[in-house]
Amino acid sequence: MLSANPAACRLLERSEDDIISVGRNGVINTEDPRLPGML
């Protein structure tokens, strides 16, 4: 992840730097069976 917009930061309650450092797998539960329907 290269950046995160302010709405994503508010939604996830994380800073942009935190979101960037943990990456997609740090903010999305890839084991959630509902994930394909949300993408």
N, C-alpha and C. Protein backbone atom coordinates (compact mmCIF):
# COMPACT_ATOMS: atom_id res chain seq x y z
N MET A 1 0.85 -1.16 0.00
CA MET A 1 0.00 0.00 0.00
C MET A 1 0.90 1.23 0.00
N LEU A 2 0.56 2.17 -0.86
CA LEU A 2 1.39 3.37 -0.99
C LEU A 2 0.84 4.56 -0.23
N SER A 3 -0.48 4.60 -0.05
CA SER A 3 -1.10 5.71 0.67
C SER A 3 -2.47 5.28 1.15
N ALA A 4 -3.04 6.10 2.03
CA ALA A 4 -4.39 5.87 2.53
C ALA A 4 -5.08 7.22 2.61
N ASN A 5 -6.30 7.29 2.13
CA ASN A 5 -6.99 8.57 2.17
C ASN A 5 -7.56 8.83 3.57
N PRO A 6 -7.89 10.07 3.89
CA PRO A 6 -8.38 10.43 5.22
C PRO A 6 -9.62 9.64 5.64
N ALA A 7 -10.51 9.33 4.72
CA ALA A 7 -11.72 8.57 5.07
C ALA A 7 -11.34 7.16 5.51
N ALA A 8 -10.38 6.54 4.84
CA ALA A 8 -9.93 5.20 5.24
C ALA A 8 -9.30 5.24 6.62
N CYS A 9 -8.53 6.27 6.89
CA CYS A 9 -7.90 6.41 8.21
C CYS A 9 -8.95 6.52 9.31
N ARG A 10 -9.97 7.31 9.06
CA ARG A 10 -11.05 7.46 10.06
C ARG A 10 -11.81 6.14 10.22
N LEU A 11 -12.13 5.50 9.11
CA LEU A 11 -12.89 4.25 9.15
C LEU A 11 -12.13 3.17 9.91
N LEU A 12 -10.85 3.07 9.66
CA LEU A 12 -10.02 2.04 10.30
C LEU A 12 -9.44 2.48 11.63
N GLU A 13 -9.65 3.76 11.98
CA GLU A 13 -9.12 4.33 13.22
C GLU A 13 -7.61 4.12 13.32
N ARG A 14 -6.92 4.40 12.22
CA ARG A 14 -5.46 4.27 12.15
C ARG A 14 -4.89 5.45 11.40
N SER A 15 -3.64 5.72 11.64
CA SER A 15 -2.97 6.79 10.89
C SER A 15 -2.59 6.26 9.51
N GLU A 16 -2.33 7.19 8.59
CA GLU A 16 -1.91 6.78 7.25
C GLU A 16 -0.60 5.98 7.33
N ASP A 17 0.33 6.43 8.15
CA ASP A 17 1.61 5.72 8.28
C ASP A 17 1.40 4.30 8.80
N ASP A 18 0.48 4.12 9.74
CA ASP A 18 0.20 2.80 10.28
C ASP A 18 -0.40 1.89 9.21
N ILE A 19 -1.36 2.40 8.46
CA ILE A 19 -1.98 1.62 7.40
C ILE A 19 -0.94 1.20 6.36
N ILE A 20 -0.08 2.12 5.98
CA ILE A 20 0.96 1.81 5.00
C ILE A 20 1.92 0.76 5.55
N SER A 21 2.29 0.88 6.82
CA SER A 21 3.27 -0.05 7.38
C SER A 21 2.73 -1.47 7.54
N VAL A 22 1.44 -1.62 7.87
CA VAL A 22 0.90 -2.98 8.04
C VAL A 22 0.44 -3.59 6.73
N GLY A 23 0.20 -2.76 5.73
CA GLY A 23 -0.21 -3.26 4.42
C GLY A 23 -1.64 -3.79 4.40
N ARG A 24 -2.03 -4.28 3.24
CA ARG A 24 -3.41 -4.75 3.05
C ARG A 24 -3.78 -5.86 4.03
N ASN A 25 -2.89 -6.82 4.23
CA ASN A 25 -3.21 -7.93 5.11
C ASN A 25 -3.30 -7.51 6.58
N GLY A 26 -2.78 -6.35 6.89
CA GLY A 26 -2.88 -5.84 8.25
C GLY A 26 -4.20 -5.15 8.55
N VAL A 27 -4.93 -4.80 7.51
CA VAL A 27 -6.21 -4.11 7.72
C VAL A 27 -7.40 -4.91 7.20
N ILE A 28 -7.13 -5.98 6.45
CA ILE A 28 -8.21 -6.81 5.91
C ILE A 28 -8.00 -8.24 6.38
N ASN A 29 -9.04 -8.84 6.92
CA ASN A 29 -8.98 -10.24 7.33
C ASN A 29 -9.20 -11.11 6.10
N THR A 30 -8.12 -11.64 5.55
CA THR A 30 -8.22 -12.43 4.32
C THR A 30 -8.90 -13.78 4.55
N GLU A 31 -9.12 -14.15 5.80
CA GLU A 31 -9.81 -15.41 6.12
C GLU A 31 -11.33 -15.23 6.20
N ASP A 32 -11.80 -14.00 6.15
CA ASP A 32 -13.23 -13.72 6.25
C ASP A 32 -13.93 -14.23 4.99
N PRO A 33 -14.88 -15.16 5.12
CA PRO A 33 -15.55 -15.71 3.95
C PRO A 33 -16.38 -14.68 3.19
N ARG A 34 -16.67 -13.54 3.80
CA ARG A 34 -17.45 -12.49 3.12
C ARG A 34 -16.59 -11.62 2.22
N LEU A 35 -15.27 -11.76 2.32
CA LEU A 35 -14.35 -10.89 1.58
C LEU A 35 -14.59 -10.86 0.07
N PRO A 36 -14.72 -11.99 -0.60
CA PRO A 36 -14.94 -11.93 -2.06
C PRO A 36 -16.15 -11.09 -2.46
N GLY A 37 -17.19 -11.14 -1.67
CA GLY A 37 -18.39 -10.36 -1.96
C GLY A 37 -18.21 -8.87 -1.72
N MET A 38 -17.23 -8.52 -0.90
CA MET A 38 -16.98 -7.11 -0.59
C MET A 38 -16.04 -6.45 -1.58
N LEU A 39 -15.32 -7.25 -2.35
CA LEU A 39 -14.35 -6.68 -3.29
C LEU A 39 -14.97 -6.31 -4.60
